[in-house]
Amino acid sequence: MTRPSVVILYVEKVSETVARIMKKYNVLCAMKPWVTLKNVLVHPKDREYKEQTTECVYKVPCASCEKTYIGETGRKLGVRLQEHRSYVESKTNRAFTRSHRSSSSAESNIDRH
C-alpha cells in the first residue's frame, strides 16, 4: 500500500509543524515555495487595458436617464468612447438658434402661469 502524500506551500515554522503532524499519521508531506523566481519574473502577456481593446461590443449608460446605448466597434474602445463624450458635450453645450430660443422661452412662460 502506498503512503498518502500532500503538497503544501512553505511558510516558515508553520509548514514544519504541519509536516510533523502529518508524519504521525503516516502522510508524506512535500513543501513548495510560496513565491518563486518564475512567478516574480515571468509574465507571458502584457497587461491589456480596456481602452486599448478592439473589435468589441460595448454599453454606455445615459447620465441623465435610464436608457443605454449598445454599440460595436472594430477600433480602440477608448477612442470610440471619447467620440461619444464629445458628441454628448456638443449637443448639451450647443448655442440656441432663434427658433429654439423662442420655443424654450414660450415653454418657460407656460410653466410660470
N, C-alpha and C. Protein backbone atom coordinates (compact mmCIF):
# COMPACT_ATOMS: atom_id res chain seq x y z
N MET A 1 0.85 -1.18 0.00
CA MET A 1 0.00 0.00 0.00
C MET A 1 0.89 1.25 0.00
N THR A 2 0.56 2.23 -0.84
CA THR A 2 1.37 3.44 -0.92
C THR A 2 0.92 4.43 0.15
N ARG A 3 1.89 5.19 0.60
CA ARG A 3 1.59 6.21 1.60
C ARG A 3 0.88 7.38 0.95
N PRO A 4 -0.14 7.94 1.60
CA PRO A 4 -0.76 9.15 1.06
C PRO A 4 0.23 10.30 1.12
N SER A 5 0.11 11.22 0.18
CA SER A 5 1.03 12.35 0.18
C SER A 5 0.24 13.64 -0.05
N VAL A 6 0.83 14.73 0.41
CA VAL A 6 0.21 16.03 0.26
C VAL A 6 1.31 17.06 -0.01
N VAL A 7 0.99 18.08 -0.82
CA VAL A 7 1.93 19.17 -1.11
C VAL A 7 1.36 20.43 -0.48
N ILE A 8 2.16 21.10 0.34
CA ILE A 8 1.72 22.34 0.98
C ILE A 8 2.67 23.47 0.63
N LEU A 9 2.17 24.70 0.69
CA LEU A 9 3.02 25.87 0.46
C LEU A 9 3.90 26.06 1.68
N TYR A 10 5.15 26.44 1.43
CA TYR A 10 6.09 26.62 2.53
C TYR A 10 5.88 27.98 3.19
N VAL A 11 5.60 27.92 4.48
CA VAL A 11 5.53 29.10 5.33
C VAL A 11 6.41 28.79 6.54
N GLU A 12 7.40 29.62 6.77
CA GLU A 12 8.39 29.36 7.81
C GLU A 12 7.72 29.05 9.14
N LYS A 13 8.18 28.00 9.79
CA LYS A 13 7.74 27.49 11.10
C LYS A 13 6.37 26.83 11.05
N VAL A 14 5.49 27.26 10.19
CA VAL A 14 4.16 26.65 10.11
C VAL A 14 4.23 25.34 9.33
N SER A 15 4.90 25.36 8.20
CA SER A 15 4.98 24.17 7.36
C SER A 15 5.68 23.02 8.08
N GLU A 16 6.72 23.32 8.83
CA GLU A 16 7.42 22.27 9.57
C GLU A 16 6.50 21.62 10.60
N THR A 17 5.69 22.42 11.25
CA THR A 17 4.75 21.89 12.25
C THR A 17 3.70 21.01 11.60
N VAL A 18 3.19 21.45 10.46
CA VAL A 18 2.19 20.66 9.74
C VAL A 18 2.81 19.35 9.27
N ALA A 19 4.03 19.39 8.76
CA ALA A 19 4.71 18.18 8.30
C ALA A 19 4.91 17.19 9.44
N ARG A 20 5.27 17.70 10.62
CA ARG A 20 5.47 16.84 11.79
C ARG A 20 4.15 16.15 12.19
N ILE A 21 3.04 16.90 12.14
CA ILE A 21 1.73 16.32 12.48
C ILE A 21 1.34 15.27 11.43
N MET A 22 1.56 15.56 10.15
CA MET A 22 1.24 14.62 9.08
C MET A 22 2.04 13.33 9.20
N LYS A 23 3.29 13.45 9.66
CA LYS A 23 4.16 12.29 9.80
C LYS A 23 3.59 11.31 10.83
N LYS A 24 2.95 11.83 11.88
CA LYS A 24 2.33 10.97 12.90
C LYS A 24 1.25 10.08 12.29
N TYR A 25 0.58 10.59 11.23
CA TYR A 25 -0.49 9.84 10.58
C TYR A 25 0.00 9.13 9.32
N ASN A 26 1.32 9.02 9.17
CA ASN A 26 1.95 8.32 8.06
C ASN A 26 1.61 8.94 6.69
N VAL A 27 1.52 10.28 6.67
CA VAL A 27 1.25 11.01 5.43
C VAL A 27 2.53 11.72 5.03
N LEU A 28 2.96 11.46 3.80
CA LEU A 28 4.16 12.10 3.27
C LEU A 28 3.82 13.55 2.91
N CYS A 29 4.61 14.49 3.40
CA CYS A 29 4.33 15.91 3.20
C CYS A 29 5.48 16.56 2.43
N ALA A 30 5.16 17.13 1.28
CA ALA A 30 6.15 17.86 0.48
C ALA A 30 5.79 19.34 0.53
N MET A 31 6.82 20.17 0.46
CA MET A 31 6.60 21.62 0.53
C MET A 31 7.08 22.28 -0.74
N LYS A 32 6.34 23.29 -1.17
CA LYS A 32 6.77 24.06 -2.32
C LYS A 32 6.78 25.54 -1.94
N PRO A 33 7.65 26.31 -2.55
CA PRO A 33 7.77 27.73 -2.17
C PRO A 33 6.53 28.53 -2.53
N TRP A 34 6.23 29.51 -1.70
CA TRP A 34 5.10 30.42 -1.91
C TRP A 34 5.39 31.34 -3.10
N VAL A 35 6.56 31.93 -3.11
CA VAL A 35 6.97 32.83 -4.18
C VAL A 35 8.20 32.23 -4.85
N THR A 36 8.13 32.10 -6.16
CA THR A 36 9.27 31.58 -6.90
C THR A 36 9.78 32.67 -7.84
N LEU A 37 10.98 32.50 -8.33
CA LEU A 37 11.53 33.45 -9.29
C LEU A 37 10.68 33.49 -10.56
N LYS A 38 10.16 32.34 -10.94
CA LYS A 38 9.33 32.28 -12.13
C LYS A 38 8.07 33.14 -11.94
N ASN A 39 7.43 33.03 -10.78
CA ASN A 39 6.23 33.83 -10.51
C ASN A 39 6.54 35.33 -10.51
N VAL A 40 7.69 35.68 -10.04
CA VAL A 40 8.06 37.09 -9.93
C VAL A 40 8.48 37.66 -11.28
N LEU A 41 9.27 36.91 -12.05
CA LEU A 41 9.87 37.45 -13.26
C LEU A 41 9.12 37.20 -14.56
N VAL A 42 8.41 36.10 -14.66
CA VAL A 42 7.82 35.71 -15.93
C VAL A 42 6.35 36.12 -15.99
N HIS A 43 6.05 36.94 -16.98
CA HIS A 43 4.67 37.33 -17.27
C HIS A 43 4.48 37.15 -18.77
N PRO A 44 3.84 36.06 -19.18
CA PRO A 44 3.78 35.74 -20.60
C PRO A 44 3.05 36.78 -21.45
N LYS A 45 2.08 37.50 -20.87
CA LYS A 45 1.36 38.50 -21.64
C LYS A 45 1.43 39.85 -20.94
N ASP A 46 1.56 40.89 -21.73
CA ASP A 46 1.48 42.23 -21.16
C ASP A 46 0.04 42.51 -20.78
N ARG A 47 -0.13 43.34 -19.78
CA ARG A 47 -1.48 43.69 -19.34
C ARG A 47 -2.17 44.49 -20.43
N GLU A 48 -3.42 44.14 -20.70
CA GLU A 48 -4.18 44.84 -21.73
C GLU A 48 -5.23 45.72 -21.05
N TYR A 49 -5.21 46.98 -21.37
CA TYR A 49 -6.16 47.92 -20.77
C TYR A 49 -7.45 47.94 -21.58
N LYS A 50 -8.57 48.19 -20.91
CA LYS A 50 -9.87 48.18 -21.58
C LYS A 50 -9.91 49.18 -22.74
N GLU A 51 -9.29 50.34 -22.55
CA GLU A 51 -9.33 51.37 -23.59
C GLU A 51 -8.62 50.93 -24.86
N GLN A 52 -7.71 49.98 -24.75
CA GLN A 52 -6.95 49.50 -25.90
C GLN A 52 -7.65 48.35 -26.64
N THR A 53 -8.74 47.84 -26.08
CA THR A 53 -9.46 46.72 -26.67
C THR A 53 -10.04 47.11 -28.03
N THR A 54 -9.92 46.22 -28.99
CA THR A 54 -10.52 46.44 -30.31
C THR A 54 -11.51 45.33 -30.59
N GLU A 55 -12.34 45.53 -31.63
CA GLU A 55 -13.31 44.51 -32.03
C GLU A 55 -14.16 44.07 -30.85
N CYS A 56 -14.98 44.98 -30.32
CA CYS A 56 -15.78 44.65 -29.15
C CYS A 56 -17.17 45.27 -29.22
N VAL A 57 -18.05 44.76 -28.39
CA VAL A 57 -19.38 45.31 -28.19
C VAL A 57 -19.34 46.01 -26.85
N TYR A 58 -19.92 47.20 -26.76
CA TYR A 58 -19.87 47.97 -25.53
C TYR A 58 -21.23 48.55 -25.19
N LYS A 59 -21.40 48.96 -23.94
CA LYS A 59 -22.66 49.51 -23.46
C LYS A 59 -22.36 50.80 -22.72
N VAL A 60 -23.05 51.88 -23.10
CA VAL A 60 -22.84 53.18 -22.47
C VAL A 60 -24.15 53.63 -21.84
N PRO A 61 -24.20 53.76 -20.51
CA PRO A 61 -25.43 54.24 -19.86
C PRO A 61 -25.56 55.75 -20.00
N CYS A 62 -26.79 56.23 -20.10
CA CYS A 62 -27.05 57.67 -20.18
C CYS A 62 -26.94 58.25 -18.77
N ALA A 63 -26.31 59.41 -18.65
CA ALA A 63 -26.13 60.05 -17.35
C ALA A 63 -27.40 60.73 -16.86
N SER A 64 -28.31 61.09 -17.78
CA SER A 64 -29.49 61.84 -17.37
C SER A 64 -30.78 61.01 -17.35
N CYS A 65 -30.78 59.80 -17.90
CA CYS A 65 -31.97 58.95 -17.87
C CYS A 65 -31.53 57.49 -17.71
N GLU A 66 -32.48 56.58 -17.80
CA GLU A 66 -32.15 55.17 -17.58
C GLU A 66 -31.86 54.41 -18.87
N LYS A 67 -31.77 55.11 -19.99
CA LYS A 67 -31.51 54.45 -21.27
C LYS A 67 -30.03 54.10 -21.39
N THR A 68 -29.76 53.11 -22.24
CA THR A 68 -28.37 52.73 -22.52
C THR A 68 -28.18 52.62 -24.02
N TYR A 69 -26.97 52.87 -24.45
CA TYR A 69 -26.60 52.73 -25.85
C TYR A 69 -25.68 51.53 -25.95
N ILE A 70 -25.99 50.63 -26.86
CA ILE A 70 -25.14 49.46 -27.10
C ILE A 70 -24.56 49.61 -28.49
N GLY A 71 -23.25 49.55 -28.58
CA GLY A 71 -22.58 49.73 -29.86
C GLY A 71 -21.53 48.66 -30.10
N GLU A 72 -21.00 48.67 -31.30
CA GLU A 72 -19.96 47.72 -31.70
C GLU A 72 -18.91 48.51 -32.46
N THR A 73 -17.66 48.21 -32.20
CA THR A 73 -16.58 48.90 -32.90
C THR A 73 -15.43 47.94 -33.19
N GLY A 74 -14.73 48.23 -34.25
CA GLY A 74 -13.52 47.48 -34.59
C GLY A 74 -12.29 48.27 -34.20
N ARG A 75 -12.51 49.54 -33.83
CA ARG A 75 -11.40 50.41 -33.43
C ARG A 75 -11.16 50.30 -31.94
N LYS A 76 -10.23 51.08 -31.42
CA LYS A 76 -9.94 51.06 -29.99
C LYS A 76 -11.14 51.60 -29.21
N LEU A 77 -11.50 50.91 -28.13
CA LEU A 77 -12.66 51.28 -27.34
C LEU A 77 -12.50 52.68 -26.74
N GLY A 78 -11.32 53.04 -26.29
CA GLY A 78 -11.09 54.35 -25.70
C GLY A 78 -11.38 55.48 -26.67
N VAL A 79 -11.00 55.30 -27.94
CA VAL A 79 -11.24 56.32 -28.97
C VAL A 79 -12.75 56.46 -29.20
N ARG A 80 -13.44 55.34 -29.29
CA ARG A 80 -14.89 55.36 -29.55
C ARG A 80 -15.64 56.00 -28.39
N LEU A 81 -15.26 55.69 -27.16
CA LEU A 81 -15.93 56.28 -26.00
C LEU A 81 -15.69 57.79 -25.94
N GLN A 82 -14.50 58.23 -26.33
CA GLN A 82 -14.22 59.66 -26.37
C GLN A 82 -15.08 60.36 -27.40
N GLU A 83 -15.33 59.68 -28.52
CA GLU A 83 -16.23 60.24 -29.53
C GLU A 83 -17.64 60.40 -28.98
N HIS A 84 -18.09 59.42 -28.21
CA HIS A 84 -19.41 59.52 -27.57
C HIS A 84 -19.45 60.73 -26.62
N ARG A 85 -18.42 60.88 -25.80
CA ARG A 85 -18.36 62.01 -24.86
C ARG A 85 -18.40 63.35 -25.61
N SER A 86 -17.62 63.44 -26.66
CA SER A 86 -17.56 64.68 -27.45
C SER A 86 -18.92 64.99 -28.07
N TYR A 87 -19.60 63.97 -28.57
CA TYR A 87 -20.91 64.15 -29.18
C TYR A 87 -21.91 64.66 -28.16
N VAL A 88 -21.93 64.04 -26.99
CA VAL A 88 -22.87 64.46 -25.93
C VAL A 88 -22.57 65.88 -25.49
N GLU A 89 -21.31 66.20 -25.32
CA GLU A 89 -20.94 67.56 -24.91
C GLU A 89 -21.32 68.57 -25.98
N SER A 90 -21.16 68.23 -27.25
CA SER A 90 -21.52 69.17 -28.33
C SER A 90 -23.03 69.40 -28.37
N LYS A 91 -23.81 68.39 -28.03
CA LYS A 91 -25.26 68.53 -28.04
C LYS A 91 -25.76 69.30 -26.82
N THR A 92 -25.13 69.12 -25.68
CA THR A 92 -25.59 69.80 -24.47
C THR A 92 -25.06 71.22 -24.36
N ASN A 93 -23.95 71.53 -25.00
CA ASN A 93 -23.36 72.87 -24.93
C ASN A 93 -23.63 73.70 -26.18
N ARG A 94 -24.53 73.25 -27.05
CA ARG A 94 -24.74 73.94 -28.30
C ARG A 94 -25.46 75.28 -28.09
N ALA A 95 -25.23 76.18 -28.99
CA ALA A 95 -25.88 77.50 -28.94
C ALA A 95 -27.30 77.37 -29.47
N PHE A 96 -28.23 78.09 -28.85
CA PHE A 96 -29.62 78.07 -29.30
C PHE A 96 -29.79 78.93 -30.54
N THR A 97 -30.56 78.44 -31.47
CA THR A 97 -30.95 79.26 -32.61
C THR A 97 -32.16 80.09 -32.20
N ARG A 98 -32.58 81.05 -33.04
CA ARG A 98 -33.72 81.90 -32.69
C ARG A 98 -34.98 81.06 -32.46
N SER A 99 -35.18 80.06 -33.29
CA SER A 99 -36.39 79.24 -33.14
C SER A 99 -36.34 78.43 -31.84
N HIS A 100 -35.16 77.91 -31.48
CA HIS A 100 -35.03 77.20 -30.21
C HIS A 100 -35.24 78.14 -29.04
N ARG A 101 -34.68 79.34 -29.15
CA ARG A 101 -34.79 80.31 -28.08
C ARG A 101 -36.25 80.70 -27.86
N SER A 102 -36.97 80.95 -28.95
CA SER A 102 -38.37 81.35 -28.81
C SER A 102 -39.23 80.21 -28.28
N SER A 103 -38.96 78.97 -28.71
CA SER A 103 -39.76 77.84 -28.21
C SER A 103 -39.44 77.56 -26.74
N SER A 104 -38.17 77.68 -26.34
CA SER A 104 -37.82 77.43 -24.95
C SER A 104 -38.36 78.53 -24.05
N SER A 105 -38.39 79.78 -24.53
CA SER A 105 -38.94 80.86 -23.71
C SER A 105 -40.45 80.73 -23.62
N ALA A 106 -41.09 80.24 -24.69
CA ALA A 106 -42.54 80.03 -24.66
C ALA A 106 -42.88 78.93 -23.67
N GLU A 107 -42.06 77.85 -23.62
CA GLU A 107 -42.29 76.78 -22.66
C GLU A 107 -42.09 77.27 -21.23
N SER A 108 -41.09 78.13 -21.01
CA SER A 108 -40.85 78.63 -19.66
C SER A 108 -41.96 79.58 -19.24
N ASN A 109 -42.54 80.34 -20.18
CA ASN A 109 -43.66 81.21 -19.85
C ASN A 109 -44.89 80.39 -19.48
N ILE A 110 -45.10 79.27 -20.15
CA ILE A 110 -46.23 78.38 -19.84
C ILE A 110 -46.05 77.82 -18.44
N ASP A 111 -44.84 77.42 -18.08
CA ASP A 111 -44.58 76.84 -16.77
C ASP A 111 -44.83 77.85 -15.65
N ARG A 112 -44.60 79.13 -15.91
CA ARG A 112 -44.75 80.14 -14.87
C ARG A 112 -46.21 80.41 -14.55
N HIS A 113 -47.12 80.23 -15.52
CA HIS A 113 -48.53 80.57 -15.30
C HIS A 113 -49.29 79.44 -14.72
